[in-house]
Amino acid sequence: MWFERAKELINNVEGDISLIVKNLNTGETFSYREDEVFPSASIIKIPILMTLVEHVQDGKLDINEAYRIGDERIVGGAGIILYLSDLPYTLLDYATLMTDLSDNTATNKLIDILGLEAIAETCKAIGLQDTVLSRKLMHLDGINKTLKNLTSGRDMLKTFEWMHNNPERYELAIKILKQQLLNDLLPTYTEQTYDFAHKTGMITGTRHDVGIMYLKDPIFVSFLSKDLKDGMDGVRLANELGVMIVEEFNKEA
């Protein structure tokens, strides 16, 4: 069985791995350490994106309204705003930069606009138990050194199921997630004949990739890792699992 082979691959990696694969049409689910809590890295940007889309849907914000970076601290890590001038960007621009290029400055600007409390309310409404946004990204000074952004595979499943089951409300979020430009993990060696609405995350010793593969059925996949002895082991494992999942769920009956 494919999942037994997947667990063999997982057990050959030095580090902690969580894997969930669920057919969203049939409910068939395969899971490995789904409840374990991980540093969220950039997949914490998913509930931020959802909160923005909710505010737009509710008429609280205009997706085309433009904001300058202004006093927001320009931070490094992933993204491109660090290298651009202080132009006014629309909320759609910030959402796209945050999600598809994983830009951390764009993320922090959206946190400012939305507020931590609103993002926490989104997480609460979905029923997330392990997902916490405690601080802005790349802000590790002062008290922030002790604050952690966290999540779990179980919470990521709830998040994507929530969007999948409310397609009209989250149409824009799914569209942006399908435009993902960082595709070096699960989809790297799979034939790109399907849409994949997903988000990756990376910090030292951690590689994540979570989302919905639109194969013959919509297949949710959550690949989380932490404490990897070699980060490239996580990359290679995700690559192999991605091929395995696509082959299993796209094969002829």
Protein backbone atom coordinates (compact mmCIF):
# COMPACT_ATOMS: atom_id res chain seq x y z
CA MET A 1 0.00 0.00 0.00
CA TRP A 2 1.30 3.45 -0.91
CA PHE A 3 0.94 4.87 2.61
CA GLU A 4 3.13 2.14 4.09
CA ARG A 5 5.81 3.04 1.55
CA ALA A 6 5.37 6.68 2.50
CA LYS A 7 5.95 5.90 6.18
CA GLU A 8 9.10 3.99 5.28
CA LEU A 9 10.44 7.08 3.51
CA ILE A 10 9.47 9.28 6.46
CA ASN A 11 11.22 7.00 8.95
CA ASN A 12 14.45 7.23 6.95
CA VAL A 13 14.70 11.00 7.58
CA GLU A 14 16.36 12.43 10.67
CA GLY A 15 13.74 14.86 11.95
CA ASP A 16 10.06 15.05 12.84
CA ILE A 17 7.52 14.66 10.04
CA SER A 18 3.73 14.99 9.91
CA LEU A 19 1.75 13.89 6.86
CA ILE A 20 -1.99 14.04 6.18
CA VAL A 21 -3.60 13.08 2.87
CA LYS A 22 -7.40 13.31 2.56
CA ASN A 23 -9.74 12.86 -0.38
CA LEU A 24 -12.17 15.73 0.18
CA ASN A 25 -14.90 13.99 -1.84
CA THR A 26 -14.80 10.53 -0.28
CA GLY A 27 -13.36 11.38 3.14
CA GLU A 28 -10.66 8.71 2.78
CA THR A 29 -7.80 9.85 5.03
CA PHE A 30 -4.21 8.80 5.68
CA SER A 31 -2.43 10.50 8.55
CA TYR A 32 0.86 10.32 10.40
CA ARG A 33 1.44 12.43 13.54
CA GLU A 34 -1.37 14.79 12.57
CA ASP A 35 -1.69 16.30 16.05
CA GLU A 36 1.95 17.24 16.52
CA VAL A 37 2.63 20.99 16.82
CA PHE A 38 5.22 22.56 14.50
CA PRO A 39 6.75 26.00 14.01
CA SER A 40 4.39 27.47 11.44
CA ALA A 41 6.98 29.27 9.30
CA SER A 42 5.19 30.85 6.33
CA ILE A 43 2.08 28.68 6.34
CA ILE A 44 0.81 31.00 9.08
CA LYS A 45 0.10 33.31 6.14
CA ILE A 46 -2.90 31.18 5.17
CA PRO A 47 -5.19 32.37 8.01
CA ILE A 48 -3.96 35.92 7.35
CA LEU A 49 -5.05 35.57 3.71
CA MET A 50 -8.40 34.14 4.81
CA THR A 51 -8.99 37.00 7.24
CA LEU A 52 -8.28 39.54 4.51
CA VAL A 53 -10.72 37.84 2.12
CA GLU A 54 -13.36 37.71 4.86
CA HIS A 55 -12.98 41.46 5.48
CA VAL A 56 -13.35 42.13 1.77
CA GLN A 57 -16.41 39.88 1.52
CA ASP A 58 -17.97 41.64 4.52
CA GLY A 59 -17.35 45.10 3.05
CA LYS A 60 -14.84 46.11 5.72
CA LEU A 61 -12.00 46.53 3.23
CA ASP A 62 -11.63 47.22 -0.50
CA ILE A 63 -9.26 44.75 -2.15
CA ASN A 64 -8.16 47.48 -4.60
CA GLU A 65 -7.38 50.08 -1.93
CA ALA A 66 -3.69 51.04 -1.94
CA TYR A 67 -1.37 51.43 1.05
CA ARG A 68 2.25 52.47 1.24
CA ILE A 69 4.67 50.43 3.32
CA GLY A 70 5.11 53.58 5.37
CA ASP A 71 6.56 52.98 8.81
CA GLU A 72 6.37 49.19 8.51
CA ARG A 73 9.81 47.70 9.07
CA ILE A 74 11.27 46.27 5.85
CA VAL A 75 12.38 42.74 6.68
CA GLY A 76 14.36 40.10 4.84
CA GLY A 77 13.76 36.42 4.37
CA ALA A 78 11.44 35.48 1.54
CA GLY A 79 9.98 38.06 -0.80
CA ILE A 80 10.86 41.01 -2.98
CA ILE A 81 9.54 44.23 -1.39
CA LEU A 82 12.93 44.58 0.31
CA TYR A 83 14.34 45.46 -3.13
CA LEU A 84 11.53 47.74 -4.33
CA SER A 85 10.66 51.38 -3.77
CA ASP A 86 7.93 52.50 -1.36
CA LEU A 87 5.11 52.42 -3.88
CA PRO A 88 1.49 52.25 -2.81
CA TYR A 89 0.42 48.60 -3.19
CA THR A 90 -3.18 47.45 -3.20
CA LEU A 91 -4.42 44.88 -0.70
CA LEU A 92 -4.56 42.42 -3.58
CA ASP A 93 -0.89 43.15 -4.30
CA TYR A 94 0.05 42.57 -0.66
CA ALA A 95 -1.96 39.33 -0.55
CA THR A 96 -0.32 38.06 -3.73
CA LEU A 97 3.18 39.01 -2.59
CA MET A 98 2.57 37.41 0.83
CA THR A 99 1.20 34.16 -0.59
CA ASP A 100 2.85 33.52 -3.94
CA LEU A 101 6.30 34.95 -3.16
CA SER A 102 5.99 34.55 0.64
CA ASP A 103 7.01 38.18 1.15
CA ASN A 104 7.43 38.86 4.87
CA THR A 105 7.13 42.64 4.69
CA ALA A 106 3.82 42.31 2.80
CA THR A 107 2.69 39.87 5.48
CA ASN A 108 3.54 42.25 8.30
CA LYS A 109 1.74 45.10 6.54
CA LEU A 110 -1.41 42.96 6.34
CA ILE A 111 -1.07 42.03 10.02
CA ASP A 112 -1.00 45.78 10.78
CA ILE A 113 -4.08 46.44 8.65
CA LEU A 114 -6.10 43.45 9.89
CA GLY A 115 -4.87 43.23 13.48
CA LEU A 116 -3.77 40.15 15.40
CA GLU A 117 -7.14 39.90 17.10
CA ALA A 118 -9.06 39.58 13.82
CA ILE A 119 -6.71 36.86 12.59
CA ALA A 120 -7.13 35.02 15.90
CA GLU A 121 -10.91 35.26 15.48
CA THR A 122 -10.64 33.58 12.08
CA CYS A 123 -8.62 30.76 13.62
CA LYS A 124 -11.19 30.41 16.41
CA ALA A 125 -14.12 30.33 13.96
CA ILE A 126 -12.49 27.50 12.02
CA GLY A 127 -11.86 25.59 15.24
CA LEU A 128 -8.08 25.60 15.11
CA GLN A 129 -6.52 24.26 18.30
CA ASP A 130 -2.80 24.59 17.65
CA THR A 131 -2.44 27.60 15.34
CA VAL A 132 -1.08 30.75 16.96
CA LEU A 133 0.15 33.99 15.37
CA SER A 134 2.02 35.63 18.24
CA ARG A 135 4.21 38.13 16.42
CA LYS A 136 5.09 39.58 13.04
CA LEU A 137 7.44 37.66 10.80
CA MET A 138 11.18 38.21 11.18
CA HIS A 139 10.58 40.32 14.29
CA LEU A 140 12.79 38.49 16.76
CA ASP A 141 13.92 41.33 18.98
CA GLY A 142 12.98 41.95 22.60
CA ILE A 143 10.04 39.94 23.91
CA ASN A 144 9.46 38.53 20.42
CA LYS A 145 12.38 36.15 21.00
CA THR A 146 10.12 34.10 23.26
CA LEU A 147 6.98 34.28 21.10
CA LYS A 148 6.32 31.48 18.62
CA ASN A 149 4.03 31.12 15.61
CA LEU A 150 2.71 27.56 15.61
CA THR A 151 0.37 25.15 13.81
CA SER A 152 -0.32 21.46 13.17
CA GLY A 153 -1.32 19.24 10.29
CA ARG A 154 -4.71 18.75 11.88
CA ASP A 155 -5.28 22.52 11.89
CA MET A 156 -4.15 22.87 8.29
CA LEU A 157 -6.68 20.21 7.28
CA LYS A 158 -9.46 22.15 9.05
CA THR A 159 -8.32 25.37 7.37
CA PHE A 160 -8.42 24.03 3.82
CA GLU A 161 -11.63 22.09 4.41
CA TRP A 162 -13.20 25.34 5.61
CA MET A 163 -12.24 27.10 2.38
CA HIS A 164 -13.19 24.10 0.23
CA ASN A 165 -16.64 23.93 1.83
CA ASN A 166 -17.23 27.68 1.38
CA PRO A 167 -16.04 28.20 -2.22
CA GLU A 168 -17.86 31.46 -2.92
CA ARG A 169 -16.59 33.16 0.24
CA TYR A 170 -12.99 32.06 -0.30
CA GLU A 171 -12.83 32.09 -4.10
CA LEU A 172 -10.18 34.82 -4.11
CA ALA A 173 -8.06 33.04 -1.49
CA ILE A 174 -8.12 29.79 -3.47
CA LYS A 175 -7.27 31.67 -6.67
CA ILE A 176 -4.24 33.30 -5.05
CA LEU A 177 -3.10 29.99 -3.54
CA LYS A 178 -3.31 28.36 -6.98
CA GLN A 179 -0.91 31.01 -8.31
CA GLN A 180 1.86 29.81 -5.98
CA LEU A 181 5.34 30.47 -7.40
CA LEU A 182 7.28 28.53 -4.73
CA ASN A 183 6.90 24.96 -5.94
CA ASP A 184 10.06 23.19 -4.83
CA LEU A 185 8.43 20.67 -2.45
CA LEU A 186 5.38 18.48 -3.16
CA PRO A 187 4.79 19.39 -6.85
CA THR A 188 8.42 19.57 -8.03
CA TYR A 189 8.59 16.26 -9.90
CA THR A 190 4.91 15.80 -10.70
CA GLU A 191 3.51 16.48 -14.14
CA GLN A 192 1.76 19.84 -13.92
CA THR A 193 -1.60 18.78 -15.31
CA TYR A 194 -3.49 19.79 -12.16
CA ASP A 195 -4.05 22.89 -10.06
CA PHE A 196 -2.50 23.00 -6.60
CA ALA A 197 -3.79 25.63 -4.17
CA HIS A 198 -1.01 25.59 -1.59
CA LYS A 199 1.49 27.42 0.59
CA THR A 200 5.01 26.47 1.53
CA GLY A 201 7.06 27.44 4.57
CA MET A 202 10.74 27.29 5.41
CA ILE A 203 12.93 28.15 8.39
CA THR A 204 16.04 26.40 9.68
CA GLY A 205 15.32 22.69 10.06
CA THR A 206 11.76 23.10 8.81
CA ARG A 207 10.09 22.57 5.44
CA HIS A 208 6.29 22.71 4.99
CA ASP A 209 3.87 22.37 2.08
CA VAL A 210 0.09 22.30 2.56
CA GLY A 211 -2.87 22.63 0.23
CA ILE A 212 -5.34 20.99 -2.13
CA MET A 213 -4.24 19.09 -5.22
CA TYR A 214 -7.08 19.16 -7.75
CA LEU A 215 -6.59 15.67 -9.16
CA LYS A 216 -9.47 13.38 -10.16
CA ASP A 217 -10.81 14.35 -6.75
CA PRO A 218 -9.63 17.27 -4.60
CA ILE A 219 -6.87 15.83 -2.43
CA PHE A 220 -5.77 17.74 0.66
CA VAL A 221 -2.10 17.25 1.56
CA SER A 222 -0.24 18.52 4.60
CA PHE A 223 3.49 17.90 4.78
CA LEU A 224 5.14 19.40 7.87
CA SER A 225 8.66 18.91 9.19
CA LYS A 226 10.88 20.20 11.97
CA ASP A 227 14.25 19.52 13.58
CA LEU A 228 15.61 18.23 10.30
CA LYS A 229 19.27 17.34 10.53
CA ASP A 230 19.57 18.40 6.89
CA GLY A 231 16.92 20.68 5.39
CA MET A 232 17.47 19.13 1.98
CA ASP A 233 16.29 15.80 3.38
CA GLY A 234 12.92 17.46 3.92
CA VAL A 235 12.93 18.79 0.37
CA ARG A 236 13.75 15.39 -1.11
CA LEU A 237 11.15 13.65 1.05
CA ALA A 238 8.44 16.13 0.00
CA ASN A 239 9.45 15.64 -3.65
CA GLU A 240 9.10 11.86 -3.37
CA LEU A 241 5.83 12.03 -1.46
CA GLY A 242 4.38 14.46 -4.00
CA VAL A 243 5.03 12.04 -6.85
CA MET A 244 3.62 9.15 -4.84
CA ILE A 245 0.42 11.02 -3.97
CA VAL A 246 -0.25 12.20 -7.51
CA GLU A 247 0.35 8.73 -8.92
CA GLU A 248 -1.94 7.13 -6.32
CA PHE A 249 -4.85 9.53 -6.62
CA ASN A 250 -4.68 10.21 -10.34
CA LYS A 251 -4.39 6.61 -11.51
CA GLU A 252 -7.01 4.91 -13.62
CA ALA A 253 -9.57 2.91 -11.65
